[in-house]
Structure formats: C-alpha cells, structure tokens
Amino acid sequence: MQELIDRLKAKGLTEQQAYDAVEVIKTFAAEKFPIFAGAINKLFDKYSPKEDDDFMP
C-alpha cells in the first residue's frame, strides 16, 4: 500500500489526500464486486498503516 501512496504523492497529492483516495478506491471496489468485498477489505487493511505504527501517543 505504501507504494500506491507514494505514487499518488508523486502525482501531487498530499499524504492525507493519497490515503483518502485509496479509501475511495477500496470502497468503490467493494461496492462493485460485493462477492469479493471481504477479500478487498482484508487486502487493504493488511497494508494500511496501523494506529500503533505512530511513534507519538
């Protein structure tokens, strides 16, 4: 997922905009392919940043 975020940022998006764009893509794909929604969500969740990845509480 970080590679996708980096590519979006290279196109001029801020980091937050890139994460928002990925969330839109995830939601869109899950809605268009409901039979794969669980797999799509697992895939994106697996590679998304975790709350405990933040070094500041």
N, C-alpha and C. Protein backbone atom coordinates (compact mmCIF):
# COMPACT_ATOMS: atom_id res chain seq x y z
N MET A 1 0.83 -1.18 0.00
CA MET A 1 0.00 0.00 0.00
C MET A 1 0.87 1.24 0.00
N GLN A 2 2.02 1.18 0.66
CA GLN A 2 2.88 2.35 0.71
C GLN A 2 3.33 2.75 -0.69
N GLU A 3 3.56 1.76 -1.56
CA GLU A 3 3.95 2.08 -2.94
C GLU A 3 2.85 2.86 -3.64
N LEU A 4 1.60 2.48 -3.43
CA LEU A 4 0.48 3.20 -4.02
C LEU A 4 0.39 4.61 -3.47
N ILE A 5 0.54 4.76 -2.17
CA ILE A 5 0.53 6.09 -1.54
C ILE A 5 1.65 6.95 -2.12
N ASP A 6 2.84 6.37 -2.24
CA ASP A 6 3.98 7.11 -2.80
C ASP A 6 3.73 7.55 -4.23
N ARG A 7 3.11 6.69 -5.01
CA ARG A 7 2.80 7.05 -6.41
C ARG A 7 1.79 8.19 -6.47
N LEU A 8 0.79 8.14 -5.60
CA LEU A 8 -0.20 9.22 -5.58
C LEU A 8 0.44 10.53 -5.13
N LYS A 9 1.34 10.44 -4.15
CA LYS A 9 2.04 11.65 -3.70
C LYS A 9 2.94 12.20 -4.80
N ALA A 10 3.53 11.32 -5.59
CA ALA A 10 4.39 11.76 -6.70
C ALA A 10 3.57 12.50 -7.76
N LYS A 11 2.28 12.23 -7.81
CA LYS A 11 1.38 12.93 -8.75
C LYS A 11 0.88 14.25 -8.19
N GLY A 12 1.31 14.59 -6.97
CA GLY A 12 0.97 15.89 -6.42
C GLY A 12 -0.02 15.89 -5.27
N LEU A 13 -0.47 14.71 -4.84
CA LEU A 13 -1.39 14.65 -3.72
C LEU A 13 -0.62 14.73 -2.40
N THR A 14 -1.26 15.30 -1.40
CA THR A 14 -0.66 15.26 -0.06
C THR A 14 -0.82 13.84 0.48
N GLU A 15 -0.14 13.55 1.56
CA GLU A 15 -0.26 12.21 2.13
C GLU A 15 -1.70 11.91 2.54
N GLN A 16 -2.37 12.87 3.16
CA GLN A 16 -3.76 12.66 3.56
C GLN A 16 -4.66 12.45 2.35
N GLN A 17 -4.46 13.24 1.30
CA GLN A 17 -5.25 13.06 0.09
C GLN A 17 -5.01 11.69 -0.53
N ALA A 18 -3.77 11.22 -0.49
CA ALA A 18 -3.45 9.90 -1.03
C ALA A 18 -4.17 8.81 -0.24
N TYR A 19 -4.14 8.90 1.09
CA TYR A 19 -4.85 7.91 1.90
C TYR A 19 -6.35 7.97 1.65
N ASP A 20 -6.89 9.18 1.50
CA ASP A 20 -8.31 9.33 1.20
C ASP A 20 -8.66 8.71 -0.15
N ALA A 21 -7.79 8.90 -1.14
CA ALA A 21 -8.01 8.34 -2.47
C ALA A 21 -8.02 6.81 -2.41
N VAL A 22 -7.11 6.24 -1.65
CA VAL A 22 -7.06 4.78 -1.51
C VAL A 22 -8.33 4.28 -0.83
N GLU A 23 -8.81 5.00 0.15
CA GLU A 23 -10.06 4.62 0.83
C GLU A 23 -11.23 4.64 -0.15
N VAL A 24 -11.28 5.64 -1.01
CA VAL A 24 -12.34 5.72 -2.03
C VAL A 24 -12.25 4.52 -2.98
N ILE A 25 -11.04 4.19 -3.39
CA ILE A 25 -10.83 3.05 -4.30
C ILE A 25 -11.28 1.76 -3.62
N LYS A 26 -10.91 1.59 -2.36
CA LYS A 26 -11.29 0.39 -1.62
C LYS A 26 -12.81 0.27 -1.53
N THR A 27 -13.48 1.34 -1.17
CA THR A 27 -14.93 1.34 -1.05
C THR A 27 -15.59 1.07 -2.40
N PHE A 28 -15.10 1.71 -3.45
CA PHE A 28 -15.63 1.53 -4.78
C PHE A 28 -15.51 0.06 -5.22
N ALA A 29 -14.34 -0.52 -5.05
CA ALA A 29 -14.12 -1.90 -5.46
C ALA A 29 -15.02 -2.85 -4.67
N ALA A 30 -15.18 -2.63 -3.38
CA ALA A 30 -16.02 -3.48 -2.55
C ALA A 30 -17.49 -3.36 -2.96
N GLU A 31 -17.92 -2.17 -3.34
CA GLU A 31 -19.31 -1.98 -3.77
C GLU A 31 -19.57 -2.60 -5.14
N LYS A 32 -18.62 -2.48 -6.05
CA LYS A 32 -18.79 -3.01 -7.40
C LYS A 32 -18.65 -4.52 -7.46
N PHE A 33 -17.88 -5.08 -6.54
CA PHE A 33 -17.64 -6.52 -6.52
C PHE A 33 -17.94 -7.06 -5.12
N PRO A 34 -19.22 -7.04 -4.74
CA PRO A 34 -19.59 -7.41 -3.37
C PRO A 34 -19.16 -8.82 -2.98
N ILE A 35 -19.08 -9.71 -3.95
CA ILE A 35 -18.66 -11.08 -3.64
C ILE A 35 -17.21 -11.11 -3.14
N PHE A 36 -16.43 -10.10 -3.52
CA PHE A 36 -15.04 -10.01 -3.11
C PHE A 36 -14.80 -8.96 -2.03
N ALA A 37 -15.86 -8.39 -1.50
CA ALA A 37 -15.73 -7.29 -0.54
C ALA A 37 -14.88 -7.68 0.67
N GLY A 38 -15.08 -8.87 1.18
CA GLY A 38 -14.29 -9.30 2.34
C GLY A 38 -12.81 -9.38 2.02
N ALA A 39 -12.50 -9.95 0.85
CA ALA A 39 -11.09 -10.07 0.44
C ALA A 39 -10.48 -8.69 0.18
N ILE A 40 -11.25 -7.82 -0.44
CA ILE A 40 -10.76 -6.46 -0.72
C ILE A 40 -10.45 -5.74 0.58
N ASN A 41 -11.37 -5.80 1.52
CA ASN A 41 -11.15 -5.14 2.80
C ASN A 41 -9.95 -5.71 3.54
N LYS A 42 -9.80 -7.04 3.52
CA LYS A 42 -8.65 -7.66 4.17
C LYS A 42 -7.35 -7.21 3.52
N LEU A 43 -7.34 -7.17 2.19
CA LEU A 43 -6.13 -6.78 1.47
C LEU A 43 -5.72 -5.35 1.83
N PHE A 44 -6.67 -4.43 1.76
CA PHE A 44 -6.35 -3.04 2.06
C PHE A 44 -6.02 -2.85 3.54
N ASP A 45 -6.74 -3.55 4.42
CA ASP A 45 -6.47 -3.42 5.85
C ASP A 45 -5.11 -3.99 6.21
N LYS A 46 -4.71 -5.05 5.53
CA LYS A 46 -3.40 -5.66 5.81
C LYS A 46 -2.26 -4.69 5.55
N TYR A 47 -2.41 -3.88 4.51
CA TYR A 47 -1.32 -2.98 4.13
C TYR A 47 -1.54 -1.54 4.55
N SER A 48 -2.58 -1.27 5.30
CA SER A 48 -2.81 0.09 5.76
C SER A 48 -2.00 0.35 7.02
N PRO A 49 -1.69 1.61 7.28
CA PRO A 49 -0.93 1.92 8.50
C PRO A 49 -1.77 1.59 9.74
N LYS A 50 -1.10 1.11 10.75
CA LYS A 50 -1.77 0.75 12.00
C LYS A 50 -1.64 1.90 12.99
N GLU A 51 -2.57 1.97 13.91
CA GLU A 51 -2.53 3.01 14.94
C GLU A 51 -1.24 2.91 15.75
N ASP A 52 -0.79 1.69 16.01
CA ASP A 52 0.42 1.54 16.83
C ASP A 52 1.70 1.82 16.04
N ASP A 53 1.59 2.09 14.73
CA ASP A 53 2.75 2.46 13.93
C ASP A 53 3.19 3.89 14.24
N ASP A 54 2.31 4.68 14.83
CA ASP A 54 2.62 6.06 15.17
C ASP A 54 3.49 6.08 16.42
N PHE A 55 4.63 6.73 16.34
CA PHE A 55 5.55 6.74 17.47
C PHE A 55 5.12 7.72 18.56
N MET A 56 4.16 8.58 18.26
CA MET A 56 3.69 9.53 19.27
C MET A 56 2.30 9.12 19.71
N PRO A 57 2.08 8.99 21.02
CA PRO A 57 0.75 8.60 21.51
C PRO A 57 -0.27 9.69 21.35
